[in-house]
PDB file of N, CA and C in Angstrom:
ATOM      1  N   MET A   1      98.931   7.071  -0.798  1.00  0.00           N
ATOM      2  CA  MET A   1      98.771   7.123   0.638  1.00  0.00           C
ATOM      3  C   MET A   1      99.156   5.762   1.202  1.00  0.00           C
ATOM      4  N   MET A   2      99.914   5.783   2.228  1.00  0.00           N
ATOM      5  CA  MET A   2     100.377   4.533   2.825  1.00  0.00           C
ATOM      6  C   MET A   2      99.348   4.019   3.830  1.00  0.00           C
ATOM      7  N   LEU A   3      99.512   2.764   4.185  1.00  0.00           N
ATOM      8  CA  LEU A   3      98.558   2.113   5.075  1.00  0.00           C
ATOM      9  C   LEU A   3      98.496   2.779   6.440  1.00  0.00           C
ATOM     10  N   HIS A   4      99.646   3.103   7.016  1.00  0.00           N
ATOM     11  CA  HIS A   4      99.634   3.696   8.356  1.00  0.00           C
ATOM     12  C   HIS A   4      99.021   5.102   8.334  1.00  0.00           C
ATOM     13  N   GLU A   5      99.133   5.819   7.210  1.00  0.00           N
ATOM     14  CA  GLU A   5      98.496   7.131   7.116  1.00  0.00           C
ATOM     15  C   GLU A   5      96.977   6.996   7.084  1.00  0.00           C
ATOM     16  N   SER A   6      96.462   6.000   6.352  1.00  0.00           N
ATOM     17  CA  SER A   6      95.019   5.815   6.300  1.00  0.00           C
ATOM     18  C   SER A   6      94.481   5.345   7.649  1.00  0.00           C
ATOM     19  N   ILE A   7      95.259   4.546   8.371  1.00  0.00           N
ATOM     20  CA  ILE A   7      94.837   4.123   9.713  1.00  0.00           C
ATOM     21  C   ILE A   7      94.792   5.327  10.643  1.00  0.00           C
ATOM     22  N   ASN A   8      95.784   6.231  10.532  1.00  0.00           N
ATOM     23  CA  ASN A   8      95.783   7.437  11.364  1.00  0.00           C
ATOM     24  C   ASN A   8      94.589   8.326  11.033  1.00  0.00           C
ATOM     25  N   LEU A   9      94.239   8.427   9.734  1.00  0.00           N
ATOM     26  CA  LEU A   9      93.071   9.230   9.351  1.00  0.00           C
ATOM     27  C   LEU A   9      91.793   8.634   9.906  1.00  0.00           C
ATOM     28  N   ALA A  10      91.673   7.305   9.850  1.00  0.00           N
ATOM     29  CA  ALA A  10      90.489   6.646  10.386  1.00  0.00           C
ATOM     30  C   ALA A  10      90.394   6.850  11.897  1.00  0.00           C
ATOM     31  N   ALA A  11      91.514   6.754  12.590  1.00  0.00           N
ATOM     32  CA  ALA A  11      91.520   6.965  14.041  1.00  0.00           C
ATOM     33  C   ALA A  11      91.144   8.403  14.372  1.00  0.00           C
ATOM     34  N   ALA A  12      91.640   9.345  13.592  1.00  0.00           N
ATOM     35  CA  ALA A  12      91.291  10.750  13.818  1.00  0.00           C
ATOM     36  C   ALA A  12      89.806  10.984  13.581  1.00  0.00           C
ATOM     37  N   ALA A  13      89.268  10.352  12.554  1.00  0.00           N
ATOM     38  CA  ALA A  13      87.838  10.509  12.268  1.00  0.00           C
ATOM     39  C   ALA A  13      86.994   9.962  13.409  1.00  0.00           C
ATOM     40  N   TRP A  14      87.366   8.774  13.915  1.00  0.00           N
ATOM     41  CA  TRP A  14      86.619   8.210  15.026  1.00  0.00           C
ATOM     42  C   TRP A  14      86.759   9.068  16.288  1.00  0.00           C
ATOM     43  N   ALA A  15      87.876   9.704  16.481  1.00  0.00           N
ATOM     44  CA  ALA A  15      88.050  10.581  17.639  1.00  0.00           C
ATOM     45  C   ALA A  15      87.122  11.779  17.553  1.00  0.00           C
ATOM     46  N   VAL A  16      86.968  12.319  16.351  1.00  0.00           N
ATOM     47  CA  VAL A  16      86.056  13.455  16.168  1.00  0.00           C
ATOM     48  C   VAL A  16      84.620  13.015  16.396  1.00  0.00           C
ATOM     49  N   ILE A  17      84.271  11.839  15.883  1.00  0.00           N
ATOM     50  CA  ILE A  17      82.902  11.335  16.061  1.00  0.00           C
ATOM     51  C   ILE A  17      82.616  11.076  17.538  1.00  0.00           C
ATOM     52  N   ALA A  18      83.591  10.558  18.263  1.00  0.00           N
ATOM     53  CA  ALA A  18      83.397  10.255  19.685  1.00  0.00           C
ATOM     54  C   ALA A  18      83.170  11.519  20.508  1.00  0.00           C
ATOM     55  N   GLN A  19      83.722  12.653  20.060  1.00  0.00           N
ATOM     56  CA  GLN A  19      83.569  13.897  20.798  1.00  0.00           C
ATOM     57  C   GLN A  19      82.303  14.664  20.395  1.00  0.00           C
ATOM     58  N   ALA A  20      81.590  14.194  19.389  1.00  0.00           N
ATOM     59  CA  ALA A  20      80.390  14.891  18.933  1.00  0.00           C
ATOM     60  C   ALA A  20      79.318  14.837  20.013  1.00  0.00           C
ATOM     61  N   PRO A  21      78.556  15.914  20.151  1.00  0.00           N
ATOM     62  CA  PRO A  21      77.493  15.899  21.160  1.00  0.00           C
ATOM     63  C   PRO A  21      76.386  14.930  20.764  1.00  0.00           C
ATOM     64  N   ILE A  22      75.737  14.378  21.757  1.00  0.00           N
ATOM     65  CA  ILE A  22      74.626  13.457  21.510  1.00  0.00           C
ATOM     66  C   ILE A  22      73.422  14.293  21.087  1.00  0.00           C
ATOM     67  N   LEU A  23      72.819  13.905  19.970  1.00  0.00           N
ATOM     68  CA  LEU A  23      71.687  14.660  19.439  1.00  0.00           C
ATOM     69  C   LEU A  23      70.421  14.364  20.229  1.00  0.00           C
ATOM     70  N   LYS A  24      69.620  15.386  20.415  1.00  0.00           N
ATOM     71  CA  LYS A  24      68.349  15.222  21.092  1.00  0.00           C
ATOM     72  C   LYS A  24      67.290  14.817  20.060  1.00  0.00           C
ATOM     73  N   PRO A  25      66.257  14.122  20.493  1.00  0.00           N
ATOM     74  CA  PRO A  25      65.194  13.770  19.539  1.00  0.00           C
ATOM     75  C   PRO A  25      64.445  15.032  19.101  1.00  0.00           C
ATOM     76  N   PRO A  26      63.849  15.000  17.912  1.00  0.00           N
ATOM     77  CA  PRO A  26      63.137  16.182  17.424  1.00  0.00           C
ATOM     78  C   PRO A  26      61.940  16.537  18.310  1.00  0.00           C
ATOM     79  N   THR A  27      61.665  17.808  18.382  1.00  0.00           N
ATOM     80  CA  THR A  27      60.508  18.284  19.141  1.00  0.00           C
ATOM     81  C   THR A  27      59.258  18.069  18.291  1.00  0.00           C
ATOM     82  N   PRO A  28      58.081  18.185  18.891  1.00  0.00           N
ATOM     83  CA  PRO A  28      56.846  18.023  18.100  1.00  0.00           C
ATOM     84  C   PRO A  28      56.741  19.024  16.940  1.00  0.00           C
ATOM     85  N   ILE A  29      57.195  20.246  17.133  1.00  0.00           N
ATOM     86  CA  ILE A  29      57.128  21.215  16.031  1.00  0.00           C
ATOM     87  C   ILE A  29      58.111  20.820  14.926  1.00  0.00           C
ATOM     88  N   GLY A  30      59.234  20.218  15.293  1.00  0.00           N
ATOM     89  CA  GLY A  30      60.178  19.724  14.298  1.00  0.00           C
ATOM     90  C   GLY A  30      59.588  18.601  13.470  1.00  0.00           C
ATOM     91  N   TRP A  31      58.920  17.665  14.164  1.00  0.00           N
ATOM     92  CA  TRP A  31      58.236  16.586  13.456  1.00  0.00           C
ATOM     93  C   TRP A  31      57.160  17.146  12.528  1.00  0.00           C
ATOM     94  N   THR A  32      56.423  18.130  13.000  1.00  0.00           N
ATOM     95  CA  THR A  32      55.353  18.713  12.187  1.00  0.00           C
ATOM     96  C   THR A  32      55.915  19.357  10.926  1.00  0.00           C
ATOM     97  N   ILE A  33      56.950  20.149  11.087  1.00  0.00           N
ATOM     98  CA  ILE A  33      57.549  20.815   9.925  1.00  0.00           C
ATOM     99  C   ILE A  33      58.100  19.775   8.947  1.00  0.00           C
ATOM    100  N   MET A  34      58.760  18.737   9.473  1.00  0.00           N
ATOM    101  CA  MET A  34      59.327  17.718   8.601  1.00  0.00           C
ATOM    102  C   MET A  34      58.232  16.953   7.858  1.00  0.00           C
ATOM    103  N   ILE A  35      57.174  16.571   8.545  1.00  0.00           N
ATOM    104  CA  ILE A  35      56.090  15.811   7.921  1.00  0.00           C
ATOM    105  C   ILE A  35      55.379  16.652   6.872  1.00  0.00           C
ATOM    106  N   VAL A  36      55.140  17.930   7.167  1.00  0.00           N
ATOM    107  CA  VAL A  36      54.472  18.803   6.199  1.00  0.00           C
ATOM    108  C   VAL A  36      55.351  19.020   4.975  1.00  0.00           C
ATOM    109  N   SER A  37      56.641  19.248   5.167  1.00  0.00           N
ATOM    110  CA  SER A  37      57.509  19.523   4.024  1.00  0.00           C
ATOM    111  C   SER A  37      57.710  18.276   3.166  1.00  0.00           C
ATOM    112  N   VAL A  38      57.980  17.140   3.779  1.00  0.00           N
ATOM    113  CA  VAL A  38      58.165  15.909   3.001  1.00  0.00           C
ATOM    114  C   VAL A  38      56.851  15.504   2.344  1.00  0.00           C
ATOM    115  N   GLY A  39      55.764  15.653   3.058  1.00  0.00           N
ATOM    116  CA  GLY A  39      54.452  15.315   2.493  1.00  0.00           C
ATOM    117  C   GLY A  39      54.087  16.199   1.319  1.00  0.00           C
ATOM    118  N   SER A  40      54.411  17.492   1.408  1.00  0.00           N
ATOM    119  CA  SER A  40      54.073  18.380   0.290  1.00  0.00           C
ATOM    120  C   SER A  40      54.925  18.070  -0.936  1.00  0.00           C
ATOM    121  N   VAL A  41      56.199  17.751  -0.742  1.00  0.00           N
ATOM    122  CA  VAL A  41      57.055  17.396  -1.883  1.00  0.00           C
ATOM    123  C   VAL A  41      56.573  16.099  -2.523  1.00  0.00           C
ATOM    124  N   LEU A  42      56.253  15.098  -1.714  1.00  0.00           N
ATOM    125  CA  LEU A  42      55.763  13.836  -2.265  1.00  0.00           C
ATOM    126  C   LEU A  42      54.414  14.003  -2.952  1.00  0.00           C
ATOM    127  N   SER A  43      53.538  14.830  -2.383  1.00  0.00           N
ATOM    128  CA  SER A  43      52.237  15.068  -2.998  1.00  0.00           C
ATOM    129  C   SER A  43      52.377  15.778  -4.340  1.00  0.00           C
ATOM    130  N   LEU A  44      53.230  16.785  -4.395  1.00  0.00           N
ATOM    131  CA  LEU A  44      53.440  17.498  -5.660  1.00  0.00           C
ATOM    132  C   LEU A  44      54.053  16.575  -6.710  1.00  0.00           C
ATOM    133  N   THR A  45      54.990  15.722  -6.314  1.00  0.00           N
ATOM    134  CA  THR A  45      55.592  14.775  -7.244  1.00  0.00           C
ATOM    135  C   THR A  45      54.551  13.793  -7.771  1.00  0.00           C
ATOM    136  N   ALA A  46      53.732  13.260  -6.895  1.00  0.00           N
ATOM    137  CA  ALA A  46      52.685  12.319  -7.314  1.00  0.00           C
ATOM    138  C   ALA A  46      51.686  13.012  -8.231  1.00  0.00           C
ATOM    139  N   PHE A  47      51.291  14.230  -7.907  1.00  0.00           N
ATOM    140  CA  PHE A  47      50.346  14.980  -8.735  1.00  0.00           C
ATOM    141  C   PHE A  47      50.909  15.192 -10.141  1.00  0.00           C
ATOM    142  N   CYS A  48      52.186  15.595 -10.222  1.00  0.00           N
ATOM    143  CA  CYS A  48      52.795  15.836 -11.533  1.00  0.00           C
ATOM    144  C   CYS A  48      52.922  14.539 -12.328  1.00  0.00           C
ATOM    145  N   LEU A  49      53.291  13.445 -11.674  1.00  0.00           N
ATOM    146  CA  LEU A  49      53.397  12.175 -12.372  1.00  0.00           C
ATOM    147  C   LEU A  49      52.053  11.711 -12.902  1.00  0.00           C
ATOM    148  N   VAL A  50      51.004  11.865 -12.110  1.00  0.00           N
ATOM    149  CA  VAL A  50      49.666  11.478 -12.559  1.00  0.00           C
ATOM    150  C   VAL A  50      49.234  12.340 -13.740  1.00  0.00           C
ATOM    151  N   ARG A  51      49.513  13.633 -13.666  1.00  0.00           N
ATOM    152  CA  ARG A  51      49.139  14.526 -14.774  1.00  0.00           C
ATOM    153  C   ARG A  51      49.861  14.169 -16.057  1.00  0.00           C
ATOM    154  N   VAL A  52      51.145  13.883 -15.966  1.00  0.00           N
ATOM    155  CA  VAL A  52      51.928  13.591 -17.171  1.00  0.00           C
ATOM    156  C   VAL A  52      51.580  12.218 -17.733  1.00  0.00           C
ATOM    157  N   LEU A  53      51.428  11.228 -16.876  1.00  0.00           N
ATOM    158  CA  LEU A  53      51.186   9.874 -17.354  1.00  0.00           C
ATOM    159  C   LEU A  53      49.747   9.626 -17.782  1.00  0.00           C
ATOM    160  N   SER A  54      48.841  10.513 -17.459  1.00  0.00           N
ATOM    161  CA  SER A  54      47.444  10.323 -17.859  1.00  0.00           C
ATOM    162  C   SER A  54      47.010  11.360 -18.889  1.00  0.00           C
ATOM    163  N   LEU A  55      47.920  11.767 -19.758  1.00  0.00           N
ATOM    164  CA  LEU A  55      47.574  12.707 -20.819  1.00  0.00           C
ATOM    165  C   LEU A  55      46.664  12.025 -21.826  1.00  0.00           C
ATOM    166  N   PRO A  56      45.790  12.790 -22.485  1.00  0.00           N
ATOM    167  CA  PRO A  56      44.935  12.187 -23.506  1.00  0.00           C
ATOM    168  C   PRO A  56      45.778  11.721 -24.691  1.00  0.00           C
ATOM    169  N   PRO A  57      45.273  10.758 -25.450  1.00  0.00           N
ATOM    170  CA  PRO A  57      46.048  10.275 -26.597  1.00  0.00           C
ATOM    171  C   PRO A  57      46.243  11.380 -27.633  1.00  0.00           C
ATOM    172  N   VAL A  58      47.389  11.346 -28.286  1.00  0.00           N
ATOM    173  CA  VAL A  58      47.730  12.360 -29.278  1.00  0.00           C
ATOM    174  C   VAL A  58      47.122  11.960 -30.608  1.00  0.00           C
ATOM    175  N   GLU A  59      46.565  12.936 -31.328  1.00  0.00           N
ATOM    176  CA  GLU A  59      46.020  12.679 -32.648  1.00  0.00           C
ATOM    177  C   GLU A  59      47.140  12.267 -33.580  1.00  0.00           C
ATOM    178  N   GLU A  60      46.924  11.219 -34.363  1.00  0.00           N
ATOM    179  CA  GLU A  60      47.964  10.732 -35.251  1.00  0.00           C
ATOM    180  C   GLU A  60      48.159  11.609 -36.475  1.00  0.00           C
ATOM    181  N   GLU A  61      47.189  12.437 -36.797  1.00  0.00           N
ATOM    182  CA  GLU A  61      47.313  13.310 -37.968  1.00  0.00           C
ATOM    183  C   GLU A  61      48.528  14.219 -37.847  1.00  0.00           C
ATOM    184  N   TYR A  62      48.779  14.685 -36.666  1.00  0.00           N
ATOM    185  CA  TYR A  62      49.857  15.637 -36.470  1.00  0.00           C
ATOM    186  C   TYR A  62      51.230  14.965 -36.502  1.00  0.00           C
ATOM    187  N   LEU A  63      51.266  13.646 -36.348  1.00  0.00           N
ATOM    188  CA  LEU A  63      52.530  12.942 -36.322  1.00  0.00           C
ATOM    189  C   LEU A  63      52.965  12.467 -37.702  1.00  0.00           C
ATOM    190  N   LYS A  64      52.050  12.470 -38.680  1.00  0.00           N
ATOM    191  CA  LYS A  64      52.373  11.970 -40.006  1.00  0.00           C
ATOM    192  C   LYS A  64      53.038  13.054 -40.842  1.00  0.00           C
ATOM    193  N   GLY A  65      54.056  12.643 -41.560  1.00  0.00           N
ATOM    194  CA  GLY A  65      54.714  13.561 -42.482  1.00  0.00           C
ATOM    195  C   GLY A  65      54.063  13.489 -43.845  1.00  0.00           C
ATOM    196  N   PRO A  66      54.344  14.448 -44.703  1.00  0.00           N
ATOM    197  CA  PRO A  66      53.785  14.381 -46.054  1.00  0.00           C
ATOM    198  C   PRO A  66      54.355  13.172 -46.794  1.00  0.00           C
ATOM    199  N   LEU A  67      53.523  12.536 -47.612  1.00  0.00           N
ATOM    200  CA  LEU A  67      53.937  11.314 -48.276  1.00  0.00           C
ATOM    201  C   LEU A  67      54.835  11.571 -49.475  1.00  0.00           C
ATOM    202  N   GLU A  68      54.774  12.734 -50.050  1.00  0.00           N
ATOM    203  CA  GLU A  68      55.545  13.016 -51.254  1.00  0.00           C
ATOM    204  C   GLU A  68      56.783  13.851 -50.940  1.00  0.00           C
ATOM    205  N   ILE A  69      57.680  13.294 -50.167  1.00  0.00           N
ATOM    206  CA  ILE A  69      58.925  13.979 -49.858  1.00  0.00           C
ATOM    207  C   ILE A  69      59.967  13.516 -50.865  1.00  0.00           C
ATOM    208  N   ASP A  70      60.608  14.442 -51.544  1.00  0.00           N
ATOM    209  CA  ASP A  70      61.630  14.105 -52.499  1.00  0.00           C
ATOM    210  C   ASP A  70      62.987  14.155 -51.798  1.00  0.00           C
ATOM    211  N   THR A  71      63.494  12.989 -51.443  1.00  0.00           N
ATOM    212  CA  THR A  71      64.775  12.935 -50.742  1.00  0.00           C
ATOM    213  C   THR A  71      65.961  12.881 -51.682  1.00  0.00           C
ATOM    214  N   ARG A  72      65.720  12.654 -52.963  1.00  0.00           N
ATOM    215  CA  ARG A  72      66.720  12.605 -54.017  1.00  0.00           C
ATOM    216  C   ARG A  72      67.799  11.552 -53.761  1.00  0.00           C
ATOM    217  N   ASP A  73      67.502  10.548 -52.944  1.00  0.00           N
ATOM    218  CA  ASP A  73      68.482   9.503 -52.719  1.00  0.00           C
ATOM    219  C   ASP A  73      68.331   8.348 -53.707  1.00  0.00           C
ATOM    220  N   THR A  74      67.252   8.359 -54.508  1.00  0.00           N
ATOM    221  CA  THR A  74      67.069   7.303 -55.495  1.00  0.00           C
ATOM    222  C   THR A  74      67.597   7.702 -56.857  1.00  0.00           C
ATOM    223  N   GLU A  75      67.883   8.974 -57.063  1.00  0.00           N
ATOM    224  CA  GLU A  75      68.446   9.425 -58.320  1.00  0.00           C
ATOM    225  C   GLU A  75      69.954   9.177 -58.294  1.00  0.00           C
ATOM    226  N   ASP A  76      70.485   8.667 -59.350  1.00  0.00           N
ATOM    227  CA  ASP A  76      71.928   8.388 -59.481  1.00  0.00           C
ATOM    228  C   ASP A  76      72.436   7.597 -58.282  1.00  0.00           C
ATOM    229  N   ALA A  77      71.852   6.432 -58.063  1.00  0.00           N
ATOM    230  CA  ALA A  77      72.212   5.608 -56.918  1.00  0.00           C
ATOM    231  C   ALA A  77      73.606   5.003 -57.043  1.00  0.00           C
ATOM    232  N   ASP A  78      74.239   5.174 -58.198  1.00  0.00           N
ATOM    233  CA  ASP A  78      75.575   4.595 -58.405  1.00  0.00           C
ATOM    234  C   ASP A  78      76.581   5.231 -57.518  1.00  0.00           C
TER     235      ASP A  78
END
């Protein structure tokens, strides 16, 4: 893409933005819906993080493997 083409694209983009209607501020019901939805997502995320990060410690018995595993890597090491 050449320089003058990118300048024309930028000018066209600004022309479209300049013609966009001016947005009105949110109504009280819009604010309410937004606050409830964002608050519920953040609350659920915090609840899940607290639940996962505060799990009880895991018993070490279940993490240990049997001590007598024959891997056969010491036989004929040549």
